[in-house]
């Protein structure tokens, strides 16, 4: 396969600092190497700061971030020196990724040093290795600021801030590269997913508080560095060319997570992330494909959870029956599908804000109905606010999910079993979403989303197709709700609110779809993972989580309204043609297109 990669144009804007390019690049590489070496020294003498930063020759904790950042900066800087074999690291830009990598390393290092000084009571708690890391990371950033911009901006920069923002931009130009064998491309895909597993495992295993904030700070800057370098675009092209191996690699990487954990401390977070992500993917069918704003979607998760709780053999269940897992799974999905059709049939003739208000009302009606079915204000079905507790653990073919097991000789904790089960459920939902989005019905949903009036004029039955989207999304939510009820072992009304301090709720589900990227496959998965993991790891900011969440959404809507992982249509919708990062996504010139058409005629 021959891949199209990019190479930057001749630099037209000097760096923030007046330094020649080659000396600045050499200085950046040397300082980055020194920064990486400093992680082999002790940064503090006290064990009170989490992460074991007191040993020599054994980087640990937040030192690993500085080590990774230093090595990444070194490689990206060396790629611009013409070293053979490293030039493939920067197909999208030579200087912007170096500056971003240096900035990520500096931010993670200095945050760690400041956190040590604040938490332990002064700079006296720093060892010489910490001071060395601070100095070398600062020198790395200063040297990187001397690199020129990858391209000349439309308007000449007038001050240092404008030169800094210009240095972070990269305008690539196409260049054809040497063809790689198929097995090499598959190995690159496997290595990328393995690296993603390591990054996720490190983040979820990081201690709450300052260590996780440092990890988050590093990743927020390091990922754009890889994007500016063009590596993420190249990986995307490879996964599109090898969809089967890419999906297998993603499945294996995700399924390997519980084998890296010894206890249930973080596997329960992983299981809940998958449940949240699966429900968000079902909502993506309704919002992302069909364009229906559903503000009460979490109610379908609740319908599936309550249906499974009633037929799973709980002592508090009003029905007093116990179905096998497959029957309980179908019961939850079928109940949600029926409710989706019953609610959607009379309401989907509405559009826009009216539909959103009706679905919001349905979500609140469901929660209040579950409260009133307590034997006093209504039939005794759900035990009211007490819910249905003591839901027994799943057992499939003699495999009890509530007990630890050894799989392939590796011990897997209780919630690791549910995590592996949710991997299978998520894989099924992903398959359904892909098939639906690529089908004629999926294309009709997209047509309705873009312009319903034009779609109707082309003969599309808008009401029937919107009802199908509503029913399919509800069924997928009920499927996840069945497993959710067994993971949390209870079903209560307060779990299924429009907005609350913890996901899943309708507001967070909708935010996950928008944050990740509406209409895409991986976007809601990434958005759901972030929105569940970050609040779970930042409990000390519980009083300010909603404030920070709102600020993050405002910034996202301002700087990346199409979401973290956006498709081409959304990029063209929210950005002007000249603002797109990927040149082959630019709209063709109208006059040129007309001329080519006439020539062919």
Protein backbone atom coordinates (compact mmCIF):
# COMPACT_ATOMS: atom_id res chain seq x y z
CA UNK A 1 0.00 0.00 0.00
CA UNK A 2 1.20 3.50 -0.82
CA UNK A 3 0.28 6.07 1.79
CA UNK A 4 -0.01 9.79 1.31
CA UNK A 5 1.90 11.70 3.98
CA UNK A 6 2.88 15.31 4.19
CA UNK A 7 5.84 17.58 4.46
CA UNK A 8 5.76 21.19 5.59
CA UNK A 9 6.47 24.12 3.40
CA UNK A 10 9.48 26.35 3.83
CA UNK A 11 9.31 28.25 7.11
CA UNK A 12 8.19 31.82 6.74
CA UNK A 13 7.89 33.06 10.34
CA UNK A 14 10.70 33.17 12.89
CA UNK A 15 10.32 31.50 16.25
CA UNK A 16 9.34 33.24 19.46
CA UNK A 17 13.03 33.48 20.40
CA UNK A 18 15.54 34.78 17.82
CA UNK A 19 17.59 31.60 17.32
CA UNK A 20 18.87 29.94 14.12
CA UNK A 21 16.84 26.85 13.30
CA UNK A 22 19.54 24.17 13.32
CA UNK A 23 21.27 25.29 16.56
CA UNK A 24 17.83 25.60 18.19
CA UNK A 25 16.94 22.06 17.09
CA UNK A 26 20.25 20.62 18.34
CA UNK A 27 19.83 22.44 21.66
CA UNK A 28 16.27 21.12 21.96
CA UNK A 29 17.41 17.53 21.37
CA UNK A 30 20.29 17.83 23.84
CA UNK A 31 18.14 19.37 26.58
CA UNK A 32 15.42 16.76 25.99
CA UNK A 33 17.99 14.00 26.41
CA UNK A 34 19.17 15.57 29.67
CA UNK A 35 15.55 15.80 30.84
CA UNK A 36 15.02 12.10 30.15
CA UNK A 37 18.26 11.25 32.03
CA UNK A 38 17.14 13.30 35.05
CA UNK A 39 14.28 10.84 35.65
CA UNK A 40 16.88 8.30 36.75
CA UNK A 41 17.65 10.47 39.80
CA UNK A 42 15.61 10.96 42.94
CA UNK A 43 13.34 14.01 42.86
CA UNK A 44 12.43 14.02 46.55
CA UNK A 45 13.65 12.32 49.71
CA UNK A 46 10.20 11.78 51.22
CA UNK A 47 7.79 8.92 50.53
CA UNK A 48 4.83 11.11 51.49
CA UNK A 49 4.39 12.24 47.89
CA UNK A 50 2.72 9.43 45.88
CA UNK A 51 4.64 7.72 43.15
CA UNK A 52 7.91 6.56 44.75
CA UNK A 53 10.10 9.40 43.44
CA UNK A 54 12.89 8.68 45.93
CA UNK A 55 14.87 6.02 44.07
CA UNK A 56 17.91 6.32 41.81
CA UNK A 57 17.96 4.51 38.48
CA UNK A 58 14.27 3.59 38.67
CA UNK A 59 11.85 6.17 37.21
CA UNK A 60 8.38 5.86 38.70
CA UNK A 61 5.18 7.81 39.11
CA UNK A 62 5.12 11.16 37.34
CA UNK A 63 8.79 10.71 36.43
CA UNK A 64 7.60 8.33 33.72
CA UNK A 65 5.70 11.17 32.07
CA UNK A 66 8.82 13.32 31.99
CA UNK A 67 10.78 10.36 30.61
CA UNK A 68 8.26 9.74 27.83
CA UNK A 69 8.03 13.44 27.06
CA UNK A 70 11.80 13.85 26.93
CA UNK A 71 12.24 10.87 24.61
CA UNK A 72 9.37 12.03 22.37
CA UNK A 73 10.82 15.54 22.13
CA UNK A 74 14.25 14.10 21.38
CA UNK A 75 12.93 11.93 18.54
CA UNK A 76 10.82 14.68 17.01
CA UNK A 77 13.69 17.17 17.17
CA UNK A 78 16.14 14.64 15.70
CA UNK A 79 13.71 13.90 12.85
CA UNK A 80 14.19 17.47 11.62
CA UNK A 81 17.96 17.07 11.51
CA UNK A 82 17.73 14.78 8.50
CA UNK A 83 18.62 11.59 10.41
CA UNK A 84 17.72 8.67 8.20
CA UNK A 85 14.86 6.56 9.52
CA UNK A 86 13.38 9.27 11.77
CA UNK A 87 11.83 11.50 9.13
CA UNK A 88 8.69 9.36 9.06
CA UNK A 89 7.92 10.64 12.59
CA UNK A 90 6.98 14.11 11.32
CA UNK A 91 4.91 13.79 8.14
CA UNK A 92 2.65 16.66 9.17
CA UNK A 93 5.11 19.23 10.51
CA UNK A 94 8.70 19.51 11.68
CA UNK A 95 8.60 22.26 14.30
CA UNK A 96 5.10 22.53 15.78
CA UNK A 97 5.12 18.97 17.22
CA UNK A 98 8.57 19.57 18.77
CA UNK A 99 7.31 22.69 20.53
CA UNK A 100 4.17 20.94 21.78
CA UNK A 101 6.15 17.92 23.03
CA UNK A 102 8.58 20.22 24.84
CA UNK A 103 5.64 22.11 26.34
CA UNK A 104 4.02 18.85 27.53
CA UNK A 105 7.29 17.73 29.14
CA UNK A 106 7.78 21.11 30.81
CA UNK A 107 4.18 21.21 32.10
CA UNK A 108 4.31 17.68 33.58
CA UNK A 109 7.75 18.21 35.15
CA UNK A 110 7.09 21.60 36.70
CA UNK A 111 3.65 20.56 37.91
CA UNK A 112 5.24 17.61 39.70
CA UNK A 113 7.93 19.77 41.31
CA UNK A 114 5.41 22.41 42.40
CA UNK A 115 3.08 19.72 43.77
CA UNK A 116 5.95 18.22 45.79
CA UNK A 117 6.85 21.63 47.22
CA UNK A 118 3.24 22.52 48.07
CA UNK A 119 2.22 19.13 49.46
CA UNK A 120 5.38 18.49 51.48
CA UNK A 121 5.99 22.07 52.58
CA UNK A 122 8.69 23.80 50.55
CA UNK A 123 11.51 23.40 48.02
CA UNK A 124 13.68 21.83 50.70
CA UNK A 125 11.89 18.55 49.95
CA UNK A 126 13.36 18.43 46.44
CA UNK A 127 16.44 16.38 45.68
CA UNK A 128 19.07 17.49 43.10
CA UNK A 129 17.40 15.28 40.50
CA UNK A 130 14.24 17.36 40.78
CA UNK A 131 16.12 20.64 40.29
CA UNK A 132 17.96 19.13 37.31
CA UNK A 133 14.68 18.02 35.73
CA UNK A 134 13.19 21.48 36.19
CA UNK A 135 16.17 23.25 34.61
CA UNK A 136 16.57 20.87 31.67
CA UNK A 137 12.83 20.84 30.86
CA UNK A 138 12.85 24.66 30.88
CA UNK A 139 15.88 24.72 28.57
CA UNK A 140 14.11 22.27 26.26
CA UNK A 141 11.10 24.56 26.00
CA UNK A 142 13.23 27.69 25.47
CA UNK A 143 15.23 26.01 22.71
CA UNK A 144 12.02 24.78 21.05
CA UNK A 145 10.67 28.33 21.10
CA UNK A 146 13.53 29.26 18.79
CA UNK A 147 12.23 26.97 16.03
CA UNK A 148 10.50 28.82 13.19
CA UNK A 149 6.89 28.29 12.25
CA UNK A 150 6.19 25.51 9.77
CA UNK A 151 4.53 27.96 7.40
CA UNK A 152 4.01 31.66 6.93
CA UNK A 153 0.64 32.85 8.31
CA UNK A 154 -1.73 35.00 6.27
CA UNK A 155 -0.94 38.07 8.39
CA UNK A 156 2.56 38.71 9.78
CA UNK A 157 2.71 38.25 13.58
CA UNK A 158 3.06 41.49 15.50
CA UNK A 159 4.12 40.21 18.92
CA UNK A 160 5.56 37.17 20.69
CA UNK A 161 2.12 35.68 21.40
CA UNK A 162 1.19 35.71 17.72
CA UNK A 163 4.54 34.15 16.86
CA UNK A 164 3.89 31.48 19.51
CA UNK A 165 0.46 30.58 18.11
CA UNK A 166 1.90 30.58 14.58
CA UNK A 167 4.62 28.18 15.73
CA UNK A 168 1.98 25.74 16.95
CA UNK A 169 0.30 25.58 13.55
CA UNK A 170 1.31 23.36 10.66
CA UNK A 171 0.14 23.42 7.05
CA UNK A 172 1.16 20.16 5.38
CA UNK A 173 1.90 19.57 1.71
CA UNK A 174 1.41 16.16 0.09
CA UNK A 175 4.36 13.94 -0.60
CA UNK A 176 4.28 10.32 -1.71
CA UNK A 177 6.25 7.89 0.44
CA UNK A 178 7.77 4.50 -0.05
CA UNK A 179 5.31 1.62 -0.05
CA UNK A 180 5.17 -0.45 3.14
CA UNK A 181 4.34 -4.16 3.15
CA UNK A 182 0.98 -5.08 4.58
CA UNK A 183 2.42 -6.97 7.54
CA UNK A 184 4.45 -3.91 8.57
CA UNK A 185 1.35 -1.71 8.54
CA UNK A 186 -0.52 -4.25 10.66
CA UNK A 187 2.39 -4.30 13.13
CA UNK A 188 2.23 -0.50 13.34
CA UNK A 189 -1.49 -0.70 14.11
CA UNK A 190 -0.91 -3.33 16.79
CA UNK A 191 1.90 -1.29 18.34
CA UNK A 192 -0.28 1.84 18.39
CA UNK A 193 -3.11 0.07 20.22
CA UNK A 194 -0.62 -1.48 22.65
CA UNK A 195 0.74 2.00 23.39
CA UNK A 196 -2.83 3.22 23.92
CA UNK A 197 -3.43 0.37 26.40
CA UNK A 198 -0.27 1.30 28.31
CA UNK A 199 -1.29 4.98 28.43
CA UNK A 200 -4.81 4.15 29.64
CA UNK A 201 -3.54 1.65 32.23
CA UNK A 202 -1.01 4.16 33.54
CA UNK A 203 -3.68 6.84 33.82
CA UNK A 204 -6.28 4.69 35.56
CA UNK A 205 -3.67 3.25 37.95
CA UNK A 206 -2.36 6.71 38.84
CA UNK A 207 -3.16 7.84 42.36
CA UNK A 208 -6.03 10.28 42.68
CA UNK A 209 -5.22 13.93 43.12
CA UNK A 210 -1.98 15.57 41.97
CA UNK A 211 -0.55 12.51 40.11
CA UNK A 212 -3.66 12.17 37.94
CA UNK A 213 -3.80 15.92 37.30
CA UNK A 214 -0.19 15.73 36.08
CA UNK A 215 -1.06 12.81 33.81
CA UNK A 216 -4.07 14.68 32.44
CA UNK A 217 -2.01 17.82 31.86
CA UNK A 218 0.63 15.87 29.95
CA UNK A 219 -1.86 14.01 27.76
CA UNK A 220 -3.80 17.17 26.88
CA UNK A 221 -0.65 18.64 25.29
CA UNK A 222 1.12 15.47 24.09
CA UNK A 223 -1.80 14.21 21.98
CA UNK A 224 -1.95 17.47 19.94
CA UNK A 225 1.82 17.09 19.45
CA UNK A 226 1.28 13.68 17.84
CA UNK A 227 -1.57 15.14 15.81
CA UNK A 228 0.56 18.03 14.53
CA UNK A 229 3.31 15.59 13.66
CA UNK A 230 0.83 13.78 11.40
CA UNK A 231 1.12 10.44 13.21
CA UNK A 232 -2.54 10.26 14.21
CA UNK A 233 -3.61 10.96 10.62
CA UNK A 234 -1.26 8.26 9.36
CA UNK A 235 -2.61 5.77 11.89
CA UNK A 236 -6.16 6.64 10.83
CA UNK A 237 -5.29 5.93 7.22
CA UNK A 238 -3.77 2.59 8.16
CA UNK A 239 -6.81 1.55 10.21
CA UNK A 240 -9.09 2.46 7.31
CA UNK A 241 -6.96 0.37 4.98
CA UNK A 242 -6.94 -2.60 7.40
CA UNK A 243 -10.31 -2.38 9.14
CA UNK A 244 -10.44 -6.05 10.17
CA UNK A 245 -6.99 -6.24 11.81
CA UNK A 246 -7.54 -2.80 13.36
CA UNK A 247 -10.80 -3.87 15.02
CA UNK A 248 -9.16 -7.10 16.23
CA UNK A 249 -6.21 -5.15 17.66
CA UNK A 250 -8.56 -2.71 19.41
CA UNK A 251 -10.61 -5.59 20.86
CA UNK A 252 -7.52 -7.46 22.11
CA UNK A 253 -6.02 -4.29 23.64
CA UNK A 254 -9.26 -3.45 25.44
CA UNK A 255 -9.76 -7.04 26.65
CA UNK A 256 -6.22 -7.12 28.05
CA UNK A 257 -6.92 -4.39 30.61
CA UNK A 258 -8.29 -6.57 33.48
CA UNK A 259 -5.23 -8.82 33.21
CA UNK A 260 -3.10 -5.83 34.25
CA UNK A 261 -5.06 -5.33 37.50
CA UNK A 262 -4.71 -7.26 40.74
CA UNK A 263 -7.80 -5.88 42.50
CA UNK A 264 -11.24 -4.48 41.70
CA UNK A 265 -10.22 -0.92 42.56
CA UNK A 266 -9.94 0.16 38.93
CA UNK A 267 -11.59 -2.69 37.02
CA UNK A 268 -14.96 -1.46 38.30
CA UNK A 269 -14.15 1.93 36.74
CA UNK A 270 -13.28 0.18 33.49
CA UNK A 271 -16.54 -1.82 33.53
CA UNK A 272 -18.60 1.32 34.18
CA UNK A 273 -16.74 3.17 31.42
CA UNK A 274 -17.75 0.45 28.95
CA UNK A 275 -21.37 0.60 30.11
CA UNK A 276 -21.40 4.38 29.79
CA UNK A 277 -19.69 4.18 26.38
CA UNK A 278 -22.13 1.58 25.08
CA UNK A 279 -25.12 3.70 26.09
CA UNK A 280 -23.47 6.77 24.52
CA UNK A 281 -23.01 4.84 21.28
CA UNK A 282 -26.71 3.97 21.30
CA UNK A 283 -27.53 7.65 21.82
CA UNK A 284 -25.23 8.42 18.90
CA UNK A 285 -27.66 6.55 16.65
CA UNK A 286 -30.44 8.92 17.71
CA UNK A 287 -28.48 12.18 17.93
CA UNK A 288 -25.47 11.62 15.70
CA UNK A 289 -27.06 9.78 12.77
CA UNK A 290 -30.73 10.76 12.82
CA UNK A 291 -30.27 14.22 14.36
CA UNK A 292 -32.94 13.76 17.07
CA UNK A 293 -32.21 15.68 20.27
CA UNK A 294 -33.15 13.23 23.04
CA UNK A 295 -32.78 14.66 26.57
CA UNK A 296 -34.35 11.69 28.36
CA UNK A 297 -32.28 8.88 26.88
CA UNK A 298 -31.08 7.60 30.25
CA UNK A 299 -34.66 6.43 30.90
CA UNK A 300 -34.16 3.63 28.36
CA UNK A 301 -31.10 2.53 30.33
CA UNK A 302 -33.33 2.50 33.39
CA UNK A 303 -36.03 0.47 31.65
CA UNK A 304 -33.47 -2.18 30.75
CA UNK A 305 -32.00 -2.16 34.26
CA UNK A 306 -35.38 -2.48 35.99
CA UNK A 307 -36.56 -5.16 33.57
CA UNK A 308 -33.42 -7.20 34.24
CA UNK A 309 -33.70 -6.64 38.00
CA UNK A 310 -37.28 -7.92 38.04
CA UNK A 311 -36.44 -11.19 36.25
CA UNK A 312 -32.99 -11.89 37.73
CA UNK A 313 -34.07 -13.64 40.93
CA UNK A 314 -33.63 -10.80 43.43
CA UNK A 315 -35.37 -11.44 46.77
CA UNK A 316 -36.84 -7.93 46.55
CA UNK A 317 -38.29 -8.46 43.06
CA UNK A 318 -42.07 -8.29 42.86
CA UNK A 319 -42.14 -10.98 40.17
CA UNK A 320 -40.04 -13.51 42.06
CA UNK A 321 -38.69 -15.22 38.94
CA UNK A 322 -35.17 -15.80 37.67
CA UNK A 323 -34.35 -15.90 33.98
CA UNK A 324 -31.05 -17.13 32.57
CA UNK A 325 -28.70 -14.39 31.46
CA UNK A 326 -29.55 -14.55 27.77
CA UNK A 327 -33.27 -14.30 28.54
CA UNK A 328 -32.72 -11.40 30.97
CA UNK A 329 -30.60 -9.66 28.33
CA UNK A 330 -33.33 -10.03 25.71
CA UNK A 331 -35.96 -8.94 28.24
CA UNK A 332 -34.12 -5.71 29.01
CA UNK A 333 -33.50 -4.91 25.34
CA UNK A 334 -37.08 -5.79 24.34
CA UNK A 335 -38.61 -3.73 27.16
CA UNK A 336 -36.56 -0.68 26.17
CA UNK A 337 -37.42 -1.18 22.49
CA UNK A 338 -41.15 -1.32 23.31
CA UNK A 339 -40.92 1.81 25.41
CA UNK A 340 -38.95 3.50 22.64
CA UNK A 341 -41.71 2.75 20.12
CA UNK A 342 -44.50 3.75 22.52
CA UNK A 343 -42.83 7.05 23.36
CA UNK A 344 -41.54 7.74 19.85
CA UNK A 345 -44.76 7.05 17.92
CA UNK A 346 -46.72 10.04 19.28
CA UNK A 347 -43.76 12.40 19.76
CA UNK A 348 -41.49 12.00 16.75
CA UNK A 349 -43.80 14.10 14.61
CA UNK A 350 -42.37 17.01 16.57
CA UNK A 351 -39.09 18.64 15.64
CA UNK A 352 -36.25 20.50 17.23
CA UNK A 353 -36.80 22.04 20.64
CA UNK A 354 -40.30 20.60 20.99
CA UNK A 355 -38.99 17.06 20.62
CA UNK A 356 -36.21 17.79 23.14
CA UNK A 357 -38.73 19.03 25.71
CA UNK A 358 -40.97 15.98 25.25
CA UNK A 359 -38.08 13.53 25.65
CA UNK A 360 -36.91 15.44 28.73
CA UNK A 361 -40.40 15.06 30.16
CA UNK A 362 -40.38 11.34 29.41
CA UNK A 363 -37.13 10.91 31.34
CA UNK A 364 -38.57 12.64 34.39
CA UNK A 365 -41.87 10.75 34.11
CA UNK A 366 -39.97 7.45 34.14
CA UNK A 367 -38.01 8.40 37.27
CA UNK A 368 -41.12 9.62 39.11
CA UNK A 369 -43.08 6.51 38.06
CA UNK A 370 -40.37 4.27 39.49
CA UNK A 371 -40.62 6.24 42.75
CA UNK A 372 -44.40 5.87 42.94
CA UNK A 373 -44.56 2.12 42.19
CA UNK A 374 -43.93 1.43 45.87
CA UNK A 375 -47.14 -0.20 47.09
CA UNK A 376 -48.43 3.02 48.67
CA UNK A 377 -48.91 5.56 45.90
CA UNK A 378 -49.11 2.87 43.24
CA UNK A 379 -48.70 -0.88 42.65
CA UNK A 380 -45.86 -2.58 44.50
CA UNK A 381 -43.45 -3.20 41.64
CA UNK A 382 -40.18 -1.27 42.14
CA UNK A 383 -40.09 -0.66 45.96
CA UNK A 384 -40.04 3.08 45.34
CA UNK A 385 -36.91 4.96 46.40
CA UNK A 386 -35.40 1.76 47.86
CA UNK A 387 -35.28 0.23 44.40
CA UNK A 388 -34.57 -3.43 43.76
CA UNK A 389 -31.40 -4.39 45.69
CA UNK A 390 -29.47 -7.64 46.07
CA UNK A 391 -29.49 -8.50 42.39
CA UNK A 392 -27.56 -11.79 42.21
CA UNK A 393 -24.37 -12.12 40.24
CA UNK A 394 -24.59 -13.42 36.71
CA UNK A 395 -23.83 -17.05 36.03
CA UNK A 396 -23.34 -18.25 32.45
CA UNK A 397 -22.61 -21.94 31.77
CA UNK A 398 -21.45 -22.38 35.36
CA UNK A 399 -19.16 -19.33 35.22
CA UNK A 400 -20.05 -17.11 38.20
CA UNK A 401 -19.19 -13.48 37.50
CA UNK A 402 -19.20 -12.66 41.21
CA UNK A 403 -16.16 -14.79 41.97
CA UNK A 404 -12.50 -14.30 40.98
CA UNK A 405 -11.19 -16.69 38.34
CA UNK A 406 -7.93 -17.63 36.68
CA UNK A 407 -8.01 -17.06 32.93
CA UNK A 408 -4.99 -18.32 31.01
CA UNK A 409 -3.23 -18.66 34.35
CA UNK A 410 -3.76 -14.98 35.21
CA UNK A 411 -6.06 -14.09 38.14
CA UNK A 412 -9.01 -11.88 37.19
CA UNK A 413 -10.98 -10.10 39.93
CA UNK A 414 -14.76 -9.98 40.18
CA UNK A 415 -15.37 -6.80 38.22
CA UNK A 416 -12.81 -7.96 35.68
CA UNK A 417 -15.34 -10.63 34.71
CA UNK A 418 -18.01 -8.01 34.12
CA UNK A 419 -15.49 -5.91 32.22
CA UNK A 420 -14.83 -8.79 29.83
CA UNK A 421 -18.57 -9.33 29.44
CA UNK A 422 -19.05 -5.65 28.62
CA UNK A 423 -16.26 -5.92 26.02
CA UNK A 424 -18.42 -8.46 24.19
CA UNK A 425 -21.55 -6.31 24.56
CA UNK A 426 -19.67 -3.22 23.36
CA UNK A 427 -18.27 -5.15 20.39
CA UNK A 428 -21.82 -6.19 19.48
CA UNK A 429 -23.10 -2.61 19.75
CA UNK A 430 -20.16 -1.37 17.66
CA UNK A 431 -21.00 -3.93 14.99
CA UNK A 432 -24.66 -2.88 14.99
CA UNK A 433 -23.72 0.80 14.75
CA UNK A 434 -21.29 0.21 11.87
CA UNK A 435 -23.79 -1.89 9.95
CA UNK A 436 -26.59 0.61 10.55
CA UNK A 437 -24.50 3.66 9.61
CA UNK A 438 -23.30 2.04 6.36
CA UNK A 439 -26.71 0.77 5.30
CA UNK A 440 -29.33 2.50 3.18
CA UNK A 441 -31.26 3.27 6.35
CA UNK A 442 -28.17 4.87 7.88
CA UNK A 443 -27.67 7.07 4.85
CA UNK A 444 -31.33 8.03 5.04
CA UNK A 445 -30.86 8.98 8.72
CA UNK A 446 -27.97 11.22 7.76
CA UNK A 447 -30.05 12.81 5.01
CA UNK A 448 -32.82 13.52 7.52
CA UNK A 449 -30.30 14.97 9.95
CA UNK A 450 -28.80 17.30 7.36
CA UNK A 451 -32.07 18.54 5.82
CA UNK A 452 -35.31 16.76 6.66
CA UNK A 453 -37.37 18.78 4.18
CA UNK A 454 -35.06 17.87 1.31
CA UNK A 455 -35.03 14.21 2.43
CA UNK A 456 -38.85 14.08 2.40
CA UNK A 457 -38.88 15.67 -1.03
CA UNK A 458 -36.61 12.85 -2.24
CA UNK A 459 -39.15 10.26 -1.08
CA UNK A 460 -37.74 9.32 2.33
CA UNK A 461 -40.35 8.37 4.94
CA UNK A 462 -39.04 10.61 7.69
CA UNK A 463 -41.39 9.49 10.48
CA UNK A 464 -40.83 5.76 9.97
CA UNK A 465 -37.05 6.10 9.79
CA UNK A 466 -36.86 8.39 12.82
CA UNK A 467 -38.97 5.91 14.77
CA UNK A 468 -36.58 3.12 13.74
CA UNK A 469 -33.62 5.17 14.99
CA UNK A 470 -35.41 5.86 18.26
CA UNK A 471 -36.26 2.18 18.74
CA UNK A 472 -32.76 0.97 17.87
CA UNK A 473 -31.13 3.46 20.23
CA UNK A 474 -33.53 2.46 23.02
CA UNK A 475 -32.82 -1.25 22.50
CA UNK A 476 -29.05 -0.70 22.69
CA UNK A 477 -29.48 1.29 25.92
CA UNK A 478 -31.62 -1.50 27.40
CA UNK A 479 -28.95 -4.01 26.47
CA UNK A 480 -26.36 -2.07 28.47
CA UNK A 481 -28.85 -1.48 31.28
CA UNK A 482 -29.17 -5.22 31.82
CA UNK A 483 -25.47 -5.57 32.60
CA UNK A 484 -25.48 -2.28 34.54
CA UNK A 485 -28.06 -3.69 36.97
CA UNK A 486 -25.87 -6.70 37.73
CA UNK A 487 -22.68 -4.65 38.07
CA UNK A 488 -24.12 -2.23 40.66
CA UNK A 489 -26.37 -5.03 42.09
CA UNK A 490 -29.28 -2.61 42.49
CA UNK A 491 -31.69 -0.48 40.47
CA UNK A 492 -32.89 2.77 42.04
CA UNK A 493 -34.65 5.80 40.51
CA UNK A 494 -31.89 8.28 41.38
CA UNK A 495 -29.48 6.41 39.12
CA UNK A 496 -31.41 7.60 36.06
CA UNK A 497 -31.71 11.38 36.27
CA UNK A 498 -31.39 14.06 33.62
CA UNK A 499 -28.42 15.63 35.40
CA UNK A 500 -26.51 14.59 38.47
CA UNK A 501 -23.08 14.57 40.06
CA UNK A 502 -22.10 11.25 38.52
CA UNK A 503 -22.76 9.58 35.15
CA UNK A 504 -24.65 7.92 33.64
CA UNK A 505 -27.33 10.58 33.22
CA UNK A 506 -28.87 12.16 30.16
CA UNK A 507 -26.77 15.33 30.31
CA UNK A 508 -23.48 13.44 30.54
CA UNK A 509 -24.52 11.00 27.83
CA UNK A 510 -25.35 13.83 25.44
CA UNK A 511 -22.11 15.59 26.38
CA UNK A 512 -20.16 12.39 25.67
CA UNK A 513 -21.59 12.20 22.15
CA UNK A 514 -20.92 15.87 21.43
CA UNK A 515 -17.50 15.86 23.08
CA UNK A 516 -16.33 12.77 21.23
CA UNK A 517 -17.86 13.61 17.85
CA UNK A 518 -21.43 13.09 16.68
CA UNK A 519 -21.99 10.47 14.01
CA UNK A 520 -18.60 8.79 14.45
CA UNK A 521 -17.89 5.34 15.82
CA UNK A 522 -14.96 6.01 18.16
CA UNK A 523 -16.01 9.54 19.18
CA UNK A 524 -18.69 8.63 21.76
CA UNK A 525 -16.45 5.87 23.14
CA UNK A 526 -13.65 8.37 23.77
CA UNK A 527 -16.03 11.01 25.10
CA UNK A 528 -17.71 8.58 27.49
CA UNK A 529 -14.36 7.29 28.75
CA UNK A 530 -13.15 10.82 29.51
CA UNK A 531 -16.37 11.96 31.17
CA UNK A 532 -16.47 8.90 33.44
CA UNK A 533 -12.77 8.53 34.21
CA UNK A 534 -11.97 12.16 35.02
CA UNK A 535 -14.70 12.66 37.69
CA UNK A 536 -13.89 9.25 39.18
CA UNK A 537 -10.22 10.20 39.60
CA UNK A 538 -10.80 13.78 40.78
CA UNK A 539 -12.99 13.20 43.82
CA UNK A 540 -11.17 15.95 45.73
CA UNK A 541 -12.73 18.46 43.30
CA UNK A 542 -16.25 17.13 43.84
CA UNK A 543 -17.64 20.55 44.81
CA UNK A 544 -16.28 22.11 41.62
CA UNK A 545 -16.71 19.28 39.11
CA UNK A 546 -19.81 20.71 37.43
CA UNK A 547 -18.16 24.14 37.22
CA UNK A 548 -15.04 22.69 35.61
CA UNK A 549 -17.21 20.52 33.36
CA UNK A 550 -19.08 23.60 32.13
CA UNK A 551 -15.86 25.51 31.50
CA UNK A 552 -14.43 22.55 29.56
CA UNK A 553 -17.55 22.36 27.38
CA UNK A 554 -17.43 26.09 26.63
CA UNK A 555 -13.77 25.84 25.60
CA UNK A 556 -14.49 22.78 23.47
CA UNK A 557 -17.37 24.45 21.67
CA UNK A 558 -15.19 27.47 21.03
CA UNK A 559 -12.06 25.77 19.72
CA UNK A 560 -13.28 22.36 18.47
CA UNK A 561 -17.06 22.39 17.97
CA UNK A 562 -16.96 19.27 15.78
CA UNK A 563 -15.73 17.13 18.71
CA UNK A 564 -12.48 15.39 19.51
CA UNK A 565 -12.93 12.82 16.72
CA UNK A 566 -14.90 14.44 13.92
CA UNK A 567 -15.86 13.19 10.50
CA UNK A 568 -15.26 15.16 7.32
CA UNK A 569 -18.80 16.52 7.14
CA UNK A 570 -18.58 18.10 10.61
CA UNK A 571 -15.18 19.61 9.88
CA UNK A 572 -16.52 21.23 6.73
CA UNK A 573 -19.57 22.44 8.62
CA UNK A 574 -17.78 24.12 11.51
CA UNK A 575 -14.61 25.35 9.79
CA UNK A 576 -13.87 27.37 6.72
CA UNK A 577 -12.03 25.60 3.92
CA UNK A 578 -8.65 27.16 4.68
CA UNK A 579 -8.84 26.23 8.37
CA UNK A 580 -8.93 22.45 7.90
CA UNK A 581 -5.93 20.53 9.18
CA UNK A 582 -6.07 17.91 6.45
CA UNK A 583 -5.52 19.26 2.94
CA UNK A 584 -7.41 16.54 1.09
CA UNK A 585 -10.55 17.52 2.98
CA UNK A 586 -10.70 20.95 1.38
CA UNK A 587 -13.58 21.73 -0.88
CA UNK A 588 -12.70 21.89 -4.59
CA UNK A 589 -12.64 25.19 -6.35
CA UNK A 590 -16.01 25.73 -8.06
CA UNK A 591 -14.61 27.19 -11.28
CA UNK A 592 -12.06 24.39 -11.60
CA UNK A 593 -14.76 21.79 -11.03
CA UNK A 594 -16.98 23.32 -13.71
CA UNK A 595 -14.03 23.44 -16.12
CA UNK A 596 -13.19 19.77 -15.56
CA UNK A 597 -16.83 18.81 -16.04
CA UNK A 598 -17.04 20.68 -19.33
CA UNK A 599 -13.80 19.12 -20.53
CA UNK A 600 -15.11 15.62 -19.81
CA UNK A 601 -18.34 16.42 -21.60
